[in-house]
Amino acid sequence: MCREISRDPLEILFDGYYYDITEFSARHPGGDVILYYTEKGEDATQAIQQFHNRFFPKVKSLLETMKKRPATQIENPLTPEEAKRHRDITNDFNELFYWMKSQGMFESSPWRIICRLEEC
């Protein structure tokens, strides 16, 4: 996903706050997927909680180092099209998450470790 160079900070909505992820976005281990949640009205709370559930305390610590500001409903009113896009992205995310979970991708096992090492 490409993004235009901008002076505006990249912010992600998590648990009622906007976090400035401008510098972190290039280092995000999941790549550009984080940029989908920088769009106006997108809430990354569920995605962060589910995909980072095994090391959530580390994620919370990282978020605490970032600039944040409270979110307000007034600053981000969604148009019907934006609300539909948000629902669609959330539904796609849930479908992907539950498929990955059904494949055992969030379970620790020696086999998964070996497979990951062989990919390197």
PDB file of N, CA and C in Angstrom:
ATOM      1  N   MET A   1       0.850  -1.175   0.000  1.00  0.00           N
ATOM      2  CA  MET A   1       0.000   0.000   0.000  1.00  0.00           C
ATOM      3  C   MET A   1       0.888   1.227   0.000  1.00  0.00           C
ATOM      4  N   CYS A   2       0.738   2.083  -0.961  1.00  0.00           N
ATOM      5  CA  CYS A   2       1.531   3.287  -1.048  1.00  0.00           C
ATOM      6  C   CYS A   2       0.797   4.422  -0.347  1.00  0.00           C
ATOM      7  N   ARG A   3       1.568   5.361   0.170  1.00  0.00           N
ATOM      8  CA  ARG A   3       0.945   6.532   0.765  1.00  0.00           C
ATOM      9  C   ARG A   3       1.677   7.766   0.295  1.00  0.00           C
ATOM     10  N   GLU A   4       0.944   8.841   0.195  1.00  0.00           N
ATOM     11  CA  GLU A   4       1.534  10.089  -0.225  1.00  0.00           C
ATOM     12  C   GLU A   4       2.317  10.692   0.930  1.00  0.00           C
ATOM     13  N   ILE A   5       3.361  11.441   0.604  1.00  0.00           N
ATOM     14  CA  ILE A   5       4.124  12.130   1.635  1.00  0.00           C
ATOM     15  C   ILE A   5       3.274  13.284   2.139  1.00  0.00           C
ATOM     16  N   SER A   6       3.151  13.380   3.429  1.00  0.00           N
ATOM     17  CA  SER A   6       2.279  14.378   4.029  1.00  0.00           C
ATOM     18  C   SER A   6       2.913  14.895   5.306  1.00  0.00           C
ATOM     19  N   ARG A   7       2.552  16.107   5.669  1.00  0.00           N
ATOM     20  CA  ARG A   7       3.013  16.659   6.947  1.00  0.00           C
ATOM     21  C   ARG A   7       2.075  16.244   8.075  1.00  0.00           C
ATOM     22  N   ASP A   8       0.905  15.741   7.730  1.00  0.00           N
ATOM     23  CA  ASP A   8      -0.039  15.303   8.741  1.00  0.00           C
ATOM     24  C   ASP A   8       0.469  14.016   9.374  1.00  0.00           C
ATOM     25  N   PRO A   9       0.300  13.885  10.686  1.00  0.00           N
ATOM     26  CA  PRO A   9       0.730  12.635  11.324  1.00  0.00           C
ATOM     27  C   PRO A   9      -0.176  11.477  10.919  1.00  0.00           C
ATOM     28  N   LEU A  10       0.392  10.290  10.894  1.00  0.00           N
ATOM     29  CA  LEU A  10      -0.410   9.076  10.711  1.00  0.00           C
ATOM     30  C   LEU A  10      -0.905   8.694  12.093  1.00  0.00           C
ATOM     31  N   GLU A  11      -2.201   8.606  12.237  1.00  0.00           N
ATOM     32  CA  GLU A  11      -2.768   8.261  13.530  1.00  0.00           C
ATOM     33  C   GLU A  11      -3.608   7.005  13.409  1.00  0.00           C
ATOM     34  N   ILE A  12      -3.594   6.242  14.489  1.00  0.00           N
ATOM     35  CA  ILE A  12      -4.387   5.025  14.550  1.00  0.00           C
ATOM     36  C   ILE A  12      -5.276   5.118  15.789  1.00  0.00           C
ATOM     37  N   LEU A  13      -6.537   4.756  15.631  1.00  0.00           N
ATOM     38  CA  LEU A  13      -7.499   4.814  16.726  1.00  0.00           C
ATOM     39  C   LEU A  13      -7.462   3.492  17.487  1.00  0.00           C
ATOM     40  N   PHE A  14      -7.164   3.589  18.778  1.00  0.00           N
ATOM     41  CA  PHE A  14      -7.139   2.410  19.637  1.00  0.00           C
ATOM     42  C   PHE A  14      -7.722   2.777  20.987  1.00  0.00           C
ATOM     43  N   ASP A  15      -8.747   2.067  21.371  1.00  0.00           N
ATOM     44  CA  ASP A  15      -9.338   2.183  22.698  1.00  0.00           C
ATOM     45  C   ASP A  15      -9.658   3.631  23.087  1.00  0.00           C
ATOM     46  N   GLY A  16     -10.231   4.382  22.124  1.00  0.00           N
ATOM     47  CA  GLY A  16     -10.683   5.734  22.423  1.00  0.00           C
ATOM     48  C   GLY A  16      -9.644   6.829  22.282  1.00  0.00           C
ATOM     49  N   TYR A  17      -8.442   6.484  21.830  1.00  0.00           N
ATOM     50  CA  TYR A  17      -7.383   7.472  21.644  1.00  0.00           C
ATOM     51  C   TYR A  17      -6.769   7.327  20.260  1.00  0.00           C
ATOM     52  N   TYR A  18      -6.333   8.451  19.711  1.00  0.00           N
ATOM     53  CA  TYR A  18      -5.551   8.435  18.483  1.00  0.00           C
ATOM     54  C   TYR A  18      -4.086   8.437  18.870  1.00  0.00           C
ATOM     55  N   TYR A  19      -3.331   7.479  18.339  1.00  0.00           N
ATOM     56  CA  TYR A  19      -1.892   7.378  18.592  1.00  0.00           C
ATOM     57  C   TYR A  19      -1.149   7.753  17.319  1.00  0.00           C
ATOM     58  N   ASP A  20      -0.109   8.564  17.463  1.00  0.00           N
ATOM     59  CA  ASP A  20       0.702   8.986  16.327  1.00  0.00           C
ATOM     60  C   ASP A  20       1.691   7.864  15.997  1.00  0.00           C
ATOM     61  N   ILE A  21       1.453   7.191  14.873  1.00  0.00           N
ATOM     62  CA  ILE A  21       2.305   6.070  14.467  1.00  0.00           C
ATOM     63  C   ILE A  21       3.171   6.432  13.259  1.00  0.00           C
ATOM     64  N   THR A  22       3.346   7.734  13.014  1.00  0.00           N
ATOM     65  CA  THR A  22       4.065   8.193  11.834  1.00  0.00           C
ATOM     66  C   THR A  22       5.418   7.505  11.699  1.00  0.00           C
ATOM     67  N   GLU A  23       6.219   7.541  12.746  1.00  0.00           N
ATOM     68  CA  GLU A  23       7.559   6.942  12.677  1.00  0.00           C
ATOM     69  C   GLU A  23       7.511   5.425  12.793  1.00  0.00           C
ATOM     70  N   PHE A  24       6.587   4.895  13.566  1.00  0.00           N
ATOM     71  CA  PHE A  24       6.505   3.449  13.785  1.00  0.00           C
ATOM     72  C   PHE A  24       6.002   2.690  12.563  1.00  0.00           C
ATOM     73  N   SER A  25       5.180   3.326  11.730  1.00  0.00           N
ATOM     74  CA  SER A  25       4.532   2.602  10.627  1.00  0.00           C
ATOM     75  C   SER A  25       5.536   1.913   9.707  1.00  0.00           C
ATOM     76  N   ALA A  26       6.700   2.500   9.501  1.00  0.00           N
ATOM     77  CA  ALA A  26       7.712   1.881   8.629  1.00  0.00           C
ATOM     78  C   ALA A  26       8.351   0.657   9.281  1.00  0.00           C
ATOM     79  N   ARG A  27       8.284   0.567  10.615  1.00  0.00           N
ATOM     80  CA  ARG A  27       8.897  -0.561  11.340  1.00  0.00           C
ATOM     81  C   ARG A  27       7.873  -1.610  11.778  1.00  0.00           C
ATOM     82  N   HIS A  28       6.610  -1.398  11.459  1.00  0.00           N
ATOM     83  CA  HIS A  28       5.565  -2.322  11.905  1.00  0.00           C
ATOM     84  C   HIS A  28       5.862  -3.724  11.380  1.00  0.00           C
ATOM     85  N   PRO A  29       5.982  -4.713  12.268  1.00  0.00           N
ATOM     86  CA  PRO A  29       6.311  -6.076  11.830  1.00  0.00           C
ATOM     87  C   PRO A  29       5.308  -6.668  10.840  1.00  0.00           C
ATOM     88  N   GLY A  30       4.066  -6.215  10.878  1.00  0.00           N
ATOM     89  CA  GLY A  30       3.053  -6.712   9.958  1.00  0.00           C
ATOM     90  C   GLY A  30       3.031  -5.962   8.635  1.00  0.00           C
ATOM     91  N   GLY A  31       3.991  -5.076   8.426  1.00  0.00           N
ATOM     92  CA  GLY A  31       4.068  -4.340   7.168  1.00  0.00           C
ATOM     93  C   GLY A  31       3.013  -3.254   7.063  1.00  0.00           C
ATOM     94  N   ASP A  32       2.585  -3.015   5.833  1.00  0.00           N
ATOM     95  CA  ASP A  32       1.672  -1.905   5.546  1.00  0.00           C
ATOM     96  C   ASP A  32       0.239  -2.126   6.003  1.00  0.00           C
ATOM     97  N   VAL A  33      -0.089  -3.289   6.533  1.00  0.00           N
ATOM     98  CA  VAL A  33      -1.467  -3.532   6.967  1.00  0.00           C
ATOM     99  C   VAL A  33      -1.896  -2.473   7.985  1.00  0.00           C
ATOM    100  N   ILE A  34      -0.963  -1.961   8.749  1.00  0.00           N
ATOM    101  CA  ILE A  34      -1.272  -0.936   9.747  1.00  0.00           C
ATOM    102  C   ILE A  34      -1.846   0.321   9.099  1.00  0.00           C
ATOM    103  N   LEU A  35      -1.469   0.584   7.854  1.00  0.00           N
ATOM    104  CA  LEU A  35      -1.924   1.798   7.182  1.00  0.00           C
ATOM    105  C   LEU A  35      -3.422   1.775   6.875  1.00  0.00           C
ATOM    106  N   TYR A  36      -4.011   0.592   6.777  1.00  0.00           N
ATOM    107  CA  TYR A  36      -5.453   0.505   6.561  1.00  0.00           C
ATOM    108  C   TYR A  36      -6.217   1.131   7.726  1.00  0.00           C
ATOM    109  N   TYR A  37      -5.628   1.103   8.891  1.00  0.00           N
ATOM    110  CA  TYR A  37      -6.291   1.620  10.080  1.00  0.00           C
ATOM    111  C   TYR A  37      -5.967   3.079  10.350  1.00  0.00           C
ATOM    112  N   THR A  38      -5.243   3.747   9.450  1.00  0.00           N
ATOM    113  CA  THR A  38      -4.973   5.174   9.612  1.00  0.00           C
ATOM    114  C   THR A  38      -6.015   6.009   8.872  1.00  0.00           C
ATOM    115  N   GLU A  39      -6.939   5.362   8.197  1.00  0.00           N
ATOM    116  CA  GLU A  39      -7.998   6.089   7.495  1.00  0.00           C
ATOM    117  C   GLU A  39      -8.996   6.641   8.511  1.00  0.00           C
ATOM    118  N   LYS A  40      -9.577   7.774   8.190  1.00  0.00           N
ATOM    119  CA  LYS A  40     -10.545   8.415   9.081  1.00  0.00           C
ATOM    120  C   LYS A  40     -11.668   7.444   9.452  1.00  0.00           C
ATOM    121  N   GLY A  41     -11.907   7.308  10.741  1.00  0.00           N
ATOM    122  CA  GLY A  41     -13.016   6.493  11.221  1.00  0.00           C
ATOM    123  C   GLY A  41     -12.715   5.025  11.420  1.00  0.00           C
ATOM    124  N   GLU A  42     -11.550   4.573  11.009  1.00  0.00           N
ATOM    125  CA  GLU A  42     -11.204   3.160  11.201  1.00  0.00           C
ATOM    126  C   GLU A  42     -10.723   2.956  12.634  1.00  0.00           C
ATOM    127  N   ASP A  43     -11.253   1.982  13.300  1.00  0.00           N
ATOM    128  CA  ASP A  43     -10.885   1.683  14.685  1.00  0.00           C
ATOM    129  C   ASP A  43     -10.042   0.414  14.690  1.00  0.00           C
ATOM    130  N   ALA A  44      -8.816   0.523  15.151  1.00  0.00           N
ATOM    131  CA  ALA A  44      -7.884  -0.599  15.146  1.00  0.00           C
ATOM    132  C   ALA A  44      -7.925  -1.409  16.436  1.00  0.00           C
ATOM    133  N   THR A  45      -8.785  -1.059  17.357  1.00  0.00           N
ATOM    134  CA  THR A  45      -8.804  -1.710  18.669  1.00  0.00           C
ATOM    135  C   THR A  45      -8.921  -3.231  18.557  1.00  0.00           C
ATOM    136  N   GLN A  46      -9.919  -3.707  17.846  1.00  0.00           N
ATOM    137  CA  GLN A  46     -10.140  -5.150  17.743  1.00  0.00           C
ATOM    138  C   GLN A  46      -8.969  -5.847  17.045  1.00  0.00           C
ATOM    139  N   ALA A  47      -8.479  -5.257  15.970  1.00  0.00           N
ATOM    140  CA  ALA A  47      -7.361  -5.861  15.240  1.00  0.00           C
ATOM    141  C   ALA A  47      -6.129  -5.975  16.123  1.00  0.00           C
ATOM    142  N   ILE A  48      -5.818  -4.920  16.850  1.00  0.00           N
ATOM    143  CA  ILE A  48      -4.641  -4.944  17.735  1.00  0.00           C
ATOM    144  C   ILE A  48      -4.825  -5.989  18.830  1.00  0.00           C
ATOM    145  N   GLN A  49      -5.984  -6.004  19.450  1.00  0.00           N
ATOM    146  CA  GLN A  49      -6.217  -6.947  20.543  1.00  0.00           C
ATOM    147  C   GLN A  49      -6.146  -8.396  20.078  1.00  0.00           C
ATOM    148  N   GLN A  50      -6.703  -8.685  18.904  1.00  0.00           N
ATOM    149  CA  GLN A  50      -6.737 -10.077  18.458  1.00  0.00           C
ATOM    150  C   GLN A  50      -5.416 -10.535  17.861  1.00  0.00           C
ATOM    151  N   PHE A  51      -4.834  -9.740  16.974  1.00  0.00           N
ATOM    152  CA  PHE A  51      -3.611 -10.195  16.322  1.00  0.00           C
ATOM    153  C   PHE A  51      -2.389 -10.127  17.223  1.00  0.00           C
ATOM    154  N   HIS A  52      -2.455  -9.300  18.260  1.00  0.00           N
ATOM    155  CA  HIS A  52      -1.308  -9.165  19.154  1.00  0.00           C
ATOM    156  C   HIS A  52      -1.620  -9.713  20.544  1.00  0.00           C
ATOM    157  N   ASN A  53      -2.565 -10.655  20.613  1.00  0.00           N
ATOM    158  CA  ASN A  53      -3.020 -11.131  21.922  1.00  0.00           C
ATOM    159  C   ASN A  53      -1.932 -11.828  22.735  1.00  0.00           C
ATOM    160  N   ARG A  54      -0.994 -12.496  22.091  1.00  0.00           N
ATOM    161  CA  ARG A  54       0.032 -13.223  22.841  1.00  0.00           C
ATOM    162  C   ARG A  54       1.068 -12.300  23.480  1.00  0.00           C
ATOM    163  N   PHE A  55       1.269 -11.133  22.916  1.00  0.00           N
ATOM    164  CA  PHE A  55       2.254 -10.210  23.475  1.00  0.00           C
ATOM    165  C   PHE A  55       1.651  -8.818  23.639  1.00  0.00           C
ATOM    166  N   PHE A  56       0.382  -8.787  24.060  1.00  0.00           N
ATOM    167  CA  PHE A  56      -0.333  -7.532  24.213  1.00  0.00           C
ATOM    168  C   PHE A  56       0.326  -6.575  25.213  1.00  0.00           C
ATOM    169  N   PRO A  57       0.887  -7.046  26.338  1.00  0.00           N
ATOM    170  CA  PRO A  57       1.561  -6.107  27.248  1.00  0.00           C
ATOM    171  C   PRO A  57       2.699  -5.332  26.556  1.00  0.00           C
ATOM    172  N   LYS A  58       3.411  -5.983  25.650  1.00  0.00           N
ATOM    173  CA  LYS A  58       4.477  -5.304  24.909  1.00  0.00           C
ATOM    174  C   LYS A  58       3.885  -4.228  23.993  1.00  0.00           C
ATOM    175  N   VAL A  59       2.768  -4.543  23.351  1.00  0.00           N
ATOM    176  CA  VAL A  59       2.097  -3.585  22.472  1.00  0.00           C
ATOM    177  C   VAL A  59       1.637  -2.382  23.288  1.00  0.00           C
ATOM    178  N   LYS A  60       1.025  -2.632  24.443  1.00  0.00           N
ATOM    179  CA  LYS A  60       0.573  -1.534  25.306  1.00  0.00           C
ATOM    180  C   LYS A  60       1.747  -0.655  25.722  1.00  0.00           C
ATOM    181  N   SER A  61       2.871  -1.269  26.053  1.00  0.00           N
ATOM    182  CA  SER A  61       4.060  -0.496  26.427  1.00  0.00           C
ATOM    183  C   SER A  61       4.523   0.379  25.272  1.00  0.00           C
ATOM    184  N   LEU A  62       4.502  -0.168  24.067  1.00  0.00           N
ATOM    185  CA  LEU A  62       4.891   0.593  22.888  1.00  0.00           C
ATOM    186  C   LEU A  62       3.939   1.765  22.665  1.00  0.00           C
ATOM    187  N   LEU A  63       2.640   1.521  22.777  1.00  0.00           N
ATOM    188  CA  LEU A  63       1.663   2.589  22.605  1.00  0.00           C
ATOM    189  C   LEU A  63       1.863   3.705  23.618  1.00  0.00           C
ATOM    190  N   GLU A  64       2.266   3.346  24.827  1.00  0.00           N
ATOM    191  CA  GLU A  64       2.476   4.349  25.873  1.00  0.00           C
ATOM    192  C   GLU A  64       3.628   5.297  25.548  1.00  0.00           C
ATOM    193  N   THR A  65       4.512   4.911  24.633  1.00  0.00           N
ATOM    194  CA  THR A  65       5.626   5.785  24.254  1.00  0.00           C
ATOM    195  C   THR A  65       5.241   6.757  23.145  1.00  0.00           C
ATOM    196  N   MET A  66       4.078   6.573  22.549  1.00  0.00           N
ATOM    197  CA  MET A  66       3.650   7.401  21.416  1.00  0.00           C
ATOM    198  C   MET A  66       2.787   8.569  21.880  1.00  0.00           C
ATOM    199  N   LYS A  67       2.812   9.642  21.085  1.00  0.00           N
ATOM    200  CA  LYS A  67       1.908  10.763  21.345  1.00  0.00           C
ATOM    201  C   LYS A  67       0.490  10.264  21.143  1.00  0.00           C
ATOM    202  N   LYS A  68      -0.422  10.725  22.018  1.00  0.00           N
ATOM    203  CA  LYS A  68      -1.811  10.323  21.868  1.00  0.00           C
ATOM    204  C   LYS A  68      -2.715  11.495  22.202  1.00  0.00           C
ATOM    205  N   ARG A  69      -3.944  11.394  21.695  1.00  0.00           N
ATOM    206  CA  ARG A  69      -4.965  12.386  21.998  1.00  0.00           C
ATOM    207  C   ARG A  69      -6.310  11.669  22.035  1.00  0.00           C
ATOM    208  N   PRO A  70      -7.235  12.165  22.860  1.00  0.00           N
ATOM    209  CA  PRO A  70      -8.543  11.507  22.936  1.00  0.00           C
ATOM    210  C   PRO A  70      -9.313  11.654  21.630  1.00  0.00           C
ATOM    211  N   ALA A  71     -10.049  10.639  21.288  1.00  0.00           N
ATOM    212  CA  ALA A  71     -10.910  10.680  20.100  1.00  0.00           C
ATOM    213  C   ALA A  71     -12.260  11.256  20.500  1.00  0.00           C
ATOM    214  N   THR A  72     -12.860  11.987  19.592  1.00  0.00           N
ATOM    215  CA  THR A  72     -14.204  12.492  19.828  1.00  0.00           C
ATOM    216  C   THR A  72     -15.073  12.112  18.644  1.00  0.00           C
ATOM    217  N   GLN A  73     -16.333  11.889  18.897  1.00  0.00           N
ATOM    218  CA  GLN A  73     -17.269  11.521  17.831  1.00  0.00           C
ATOM    219  C   GLN A  73     -17.403  12.661  16.826  1.00  0.00           C
ATOM    220  N   ILE A  74     -17.343  13.896  17.306  1.00  0.00           N
ATOM    221  CA  ILE A  74     -17.553  15.054  16.448  1.00  0.00           C
ATOM    222  C   ILE A  74     -16.460  15.183  15.397  1.00  0.00           C
ATOM    223  N   GLU A  75     -15.212  14.900  15.761  1.00  0.00           N
ATOM    224  CA  GLU A  75     -14.123  15.076  14.796  1.00  0.00           C
ATOM    225  C   GLU A  75     -14.126  14.011  13.712  1.00  0.00           C
ATOM    226  N   ASN A  76     -14.774  12.893  13.938  1.00  0.00           N
ATOM    227  CA  ASN A  76     -14.767  11.816  12.960  1.00  0.00           C
ATOM    228  C   ASN A  76     -16.158  11.293  12.625  1.00  0.00           C
ATOM    229  N   PRO A  77     -17.072  12.172  12.245  1.00  0.00           N
ATOM    230  CA  PRO A  77     -18.370  11.621  11.851  1.00  0.00           C
ATOM    231  C   PRO A  77     -18.214  10.858  10.536  1.00  0.00           C
ATOM    232  N   LEU A  78     -18.767   9.680  10.493  1.00  0.00           N
ATOM    233  CA  LEU A  78     -18.653   8.847   9.298  1.00  0.00           C
ATOM    234  C   LEU A  78     -19.834   9.064   8.368  1.00  0.00           C
ATOM    235  N   THR A  79     -19.535   9.159   7.090  1.00  0.00           N
ATOM    236  CA  THR A  79     -20.604   9.176   6.097  1.00  0.00           C
ATOM    237  C   THR A  79     -21.113   7.739   5.981  1.00  0.00           C
ATOM    238  N   PRO A  80     -22.269   7.524   5.388  1.00  0.00           N
ATOM    239  CA  PRO A  80     -22.748   6.147   5.210  1.00  0.00           C
ATOM    240  C   PRO A  80     -21.756   5.276   4.432  1.00  0.00           C
ATOM    241  N   GLU A  81     -21.084   5.858   3.433  1.00  0.00           N
ATOM    242  CA  GLU A  81     -20.100   5.097   2.648  1.00  0.00           C
ATOM    243  C   GLU A  81     -18.897   4.706   3.511  1.00  0.00           C
ATOM    244  N   GLU A  82     -18.453   5.651   4.351  1.00  0.00           N
ATOM    245  CA  GLU A  82     -17.319   5.357   5.234  1.00  0.00           C
ATOM    246  C   GLU A  82     -17.702   4.311   6.274  1.00  0.00           C
ATOM    247  N   ALA A  83     -18.914   4.411   6.805  1.00  0.00           N
ATOM    248  CA  ALA A  83     -19.364   3.428   7.789  1.00  0.00           C
ATOM    249  C   ALA A  83     -19.432   2.035   7.166  1.00  0.00           C
ATOM    250  N   LYS A  84     -19.902   1.949   5.913  1.00  0.00           N
ATOM    251  CA  LYS A  84     -19.955   0.664   5.216  1.00  0.00           C
ATOM    252  C   LYS A  84     -18.543   0.125   4.992  1.00  0.00           C
ATOM    253  N   ARG A  85     -17.634   0.990   4.572  1.00  0.00           N
ATOM    254  CA  ARG A  85     -16.242   0.571   4.363  1.00  0.00           C
ATOM    255  C   ARG A  85     -15.650   0.043   5.670  1.00  0.00           C
ATOM    256  N   HIS A  86     -15.915   0.743   6.767  1.00  0.00           N
ATOM    257  CA  HIS A  86     -15.417   0.308   8.067  1.00  0.00           C
ATOM    258  C   HIS A  86     -15.973  -1.065   8.432  1.00  0.00           C
ATOM    259  N   ARG A  87     -17.278  -1.255   8.246  1.00  0.00           N
ATOM    260  CA  ARG A  87     -17.883  -2.566   8.540  1.00  0.00           C
ATOM    261  C   ARG A  87     -17.278  -3.646   7.661  1.00  0.00           C
ATOM    262  N   ASP A  88     -17.072  -3.333   6.363  1.00  0.00           N
ATOM    263  CA  ASP A  88     -16.496  -4.317   5.444  1.00  0.00           C
ATOM    264  C   ASP A  88     -15.082  -4.713   5.859  1.00  0.00           C
ATOM    265  N   ILE A  89     -14.268  -3.725   6.224  1.00  0.00           N
ATOM    266  CA  ILE A  89     -12.899  -4.023   6.654  1.00  0.00           C
ATOM    267  C   ILE A  89     -12.920  -4.855   7.936  1.00  0.00           C
ATOM    268  N   THR A  90     -13.793  -4.492   8.866  1.00  0.00           N
ATOM    269  CA  THR A  90     -13.891  -5.250  10.120  1.00  0.00           C
ATOM    270  C   THR A  90     -14.347  -6.679   9.846  1.00  0.00           C
ATOM    271  N   ASN A  91     -15.307  -6.853   8.954  1.00  0.00           N
ATOM    272  CA  ASN A  91     -15.775  -8.199   8.608  1.00  0.00           C
ATOM    273  C   ASN A  91     -14.667  -9.007   7.938  1.00  0.00           C
ATOM    274  N   ASP A  92     -13.917  -8.372   7.019  1.00  0.00           N
ATOM    275  CA  ASP A  92     -12.794  -9.056   6.372  1.00  0.00           C
ATOM    276  C   ASP A  92     -11.747  -9.460   7.401  1.00  0.00           C
ATOM    277  N   PHE A  93     -11.458  -8.552   8.325  1.00  0.00           N
ATOM    278  CA  PHE A  93     -10.491  -8.849   9.373  1.00  0.00           C
ATOM    279  C   PHE A  93     -10.955 -10.036  10.213  1.00  0.00           C
ATOM    280  N   ASN A  94     -12.215 -10.012  10.632  1.00  0.00           N
ATOM    281  CA  ASN A  94     -12.731 -11.112  11.458  1.00  0.00           C
ATOM    282  C   ASN A  94     -12.665 -12.439  10.714  1.00  0.00           C
ATOM    283  N   GLU A  95     -13.017 -12.425   9.452  1.00  0.00           N
ATOM    284  CA  GLU A  95     -12.964 -13.650   8.650  1.00  0.00           C
ATOM    285  C   GLU A  95     -11.528 -14.186   8.574  1.00  0.00           C
ATOM    286  N   LEU A  96     -10.579 -13.299   8.306  1.00  0.00           N
ATOM    287  CA  LEU A  96      -9.173 -13.703   8.244  1.00  0.00           C
ATOM    288  C   LEU A  96      -8.687 -14.218   9.594  1.00  0.00           C
ATOM    289  N   PHE A  97      -9.013 -13.487  10.661  1.00  0.00           N
ATOM    290  CA  PHE A  97      -8.574 -13.890  12.004  1.00  0.00           C
ATOM    291  C   PHE A  97      -9.103 -15.273  12.368  1.00  0.00           C
ATOM    292  N   TYR A  98     -10.401 -15.502  12.173  1.00  0.00           N
ATOM    293  CA  TYR A  98     -10.964 -16.793  12.567  1.00  0.00           C
ATOM    294  C   TYR A  98     -10.481 -17.922  11.671  1.00  0.00           C
ATOM    295  N   TRP A  99     -10.203 -17.640  10.394  1.00  0.00           N
ATOM    296  CA  TRP A  99      -9.612 -18.663   9.536  1.00  0.00           C
ATOM    297  C   TRP A  99      -8.212 -19.014  10.032  1.00  0.00           C
ATOM    298  N   MET A 100      -7.410 -17.990  10.332  1.00  0.00           N
ATOM    299  CA  MET A 100      -6.052 -18.235  10.831  1.00  0.00           C
ATOM    300  C   MET A 100      -6.093 -18.999  12.156  1.00  0.00           C
ATOM    301  N   LYS A 101      -7.026 -18.629  13.011  1.00  0.00           N
ATOM    302  CA  LYS A 101      -7.162 -19.319  14.297  1.00  0.00           C
ATOM    303  C   LYS A 101      -7.549 -20.782  14.076  1.00  0.00           C
ATOM    304  N   SER A 102      -8.454 -21.043  13.117  1.00  0.00           N
ATOM    305  CA  SER A 102      -8.871 -22.428  12.843  1.00  0.00           C
ATOM    306  C   SER A 102      -7.717 -23.258  12.285  1.00  0.00           C
ATOM    307  N   GLN A 103      -6.742 -22.607  11.675  1.00  0.00           N
ATOM    308  CA  GLN A 103      -5.568 -23.294  11.136  1.00  0.00           C
ATOM    309  C   GLN A 103      -4.479 -23.476  12.199  1.00  0.00           C
ATOM    310  N   GLY A 104      -4.755 -23.000  13.419  1.00  0.00           N
ATOM    311  CA  GLY A 104      -3.794 -23.142  14.511  1.00  0.00           C
ATOM    312  C   GLY A 104      -2.656 -22.140  14.472  1.00  0.00           C
ATOM    313  N   MET A 105      -2.832 -21.051  13.759  1.00  0.00           N
ATOM    314  CA  MET A 105      -1.737 -20.108  13.581  1.00  0.00           C
ATOM    315  C   MET A 105      -1.410 -19.280  14.815  1.00  0.00           C
ATOM    316  N   PHE A 106      -2.230 -19.341  15.830  1.00  0.00           N
ATOM    317  CA  PHE A 106      -1.953 -18.592  17.048  1.00  0.00           C
ATOM    318  C   PHE A 106      -1.547 -19.517  18.200  1.00  0.00           C
ATOM    319  N   GLU A 107      -1.376 -20.789  17.890  1.00  0.00           N
ATOM    320  CA  GLU A 107      -0.980 -21.753  18.915  1.00  0.00           C
ATOM    321  C   GLU A 107       0.519 -21.988  18.839  1.00  0.00           C
ATOM    322  N   SER A 108       1.151 -22.071  19.990  1.00  0.00           N
ATOM    323  CA  SER A 108       2.576 -22.376  20.023  1.00  0.00           C
ATOM    324  C   SER A 108       2.764 -23.876  19.896  1.00  0.00           C
ATOM    325  N   SER A 109       3.723 -24.259  19.079  1.00  0.00           N
ATOM    326  CA  SER A 109       4.058 -25.670  18.967  1.00  0.00           C
ATOM    327  C   SER A 109       5.453 -25.775  18.358  1.00  0.00           C
ATOM    328  N   PRO A 110       6.162 -26.856  18.657  1.00  0.00           N
ATOM    329  CA  PRO A 110       7.495 -27.033  18.065  1.00  0.00           C
ATOM    330  C   PRO A 110       7.437 -27.044  16.534  1.00  0.00           C
ATOM    331  N   TRP A 111       6.381 -27.635  15.966  1.00  0.00           N
ATOM    332  CA  TRP A 111       6.253 -27.699  14.511  1.00  0.00           C
ATOM    333  C   TRP A 111       6.179 -26.298  13.905  1.00  0.00           C
ATOM    334  N   ARG A 112       5.407 -25.395  14.519  1.00  0.00           N
ATOM    335  CA  ARG A 112       5.289 -24.032  14.009  1.00  0.00           C
ATOM    336  C   ARG A 112       6.632 -23.306  14.089  1.00  0.00           C
ATOM    337  N   ILE A 113       7.378 -23.545  15.137  1.00  0.00           N
ATOM    338  CA  ILE A 113       8.689 -22.910  15.278  1.00  0.00           C
ATOM    339  C   ILE A 113       9.623 -23.398  14.183  1.00  0.00           C
ATOM    340  N   ILE A 114       9.628 -24.684  13.920  1.00  0.00           N
ATOM    341  CA  ILE A 114      10.479 -25.243  12.860  1.00  0.00           C
ATOM    342  C   ILE A 114      10.086 -24.671  11.506  1.00  0.00           C
ATOM    343  N   CYS A 115       8.793 -24.594  11.243  1.00  0.00           N
ATOM    344  CA  CYS A 115       8.329 -24.040   9.952  1.00  0.00           C
ATOM    345  C   CYS A 115       8.771 -22.607   9.803  1.00  0.00           C
ATOM    346  N   ARG A 116       8.704 -21.808  10.846  1.00  0.00           N
ATOM    347  CA  ARG A 116       9.109 -20.409  10.776  1.00  0.00           C
ATOM    348  C   ARG A 116      10.611 -20.303  10.568  1.00  0.00           C
ATOM    349  N   LEU A 117      11.380 -21.172  11.216  1.00  0.00           N
ATOM    350  CA  LEU A 117      12.838 -21.128  11.043  1.00  0.00           C
ATOM    351  C   LEU A 117      13.249 -21.501   9.612  1.00  0.00           C
ATOM    352  N   GLU A 118      12.521 -22.435   9.009  1.00  0.00           N
ATOM    353  CA  GLU A 118      12.835 -22.854   7.652  1.00  0.00           C
ATOM    354  C   GLU A 118      12.522 -21.755   6.635  1.00  0.00           C
ATOM    355  N   GLU A 119      11.622 -20.848   6.976  1.00  0.00           N
ATOM    356  CA  GLU A 119      11.290 -19.752   6.068  1.00  0.00           C
ATOM    357  C   GLU A 119      12.412 -18.738   5.978  1.00  0.00           C
ATOM    358  N   CYS A 120      13.241 -18.671   6.998  1.00  0.00           N
ATOM    359  CA  CYS A 120      14.325 -17.653   7.036  1.00  0.00           C
ATOM    360  C   CYS A 120      15.423 -17.948   6.022  1.00  0.00           C
TER     361      CYS A 120
END
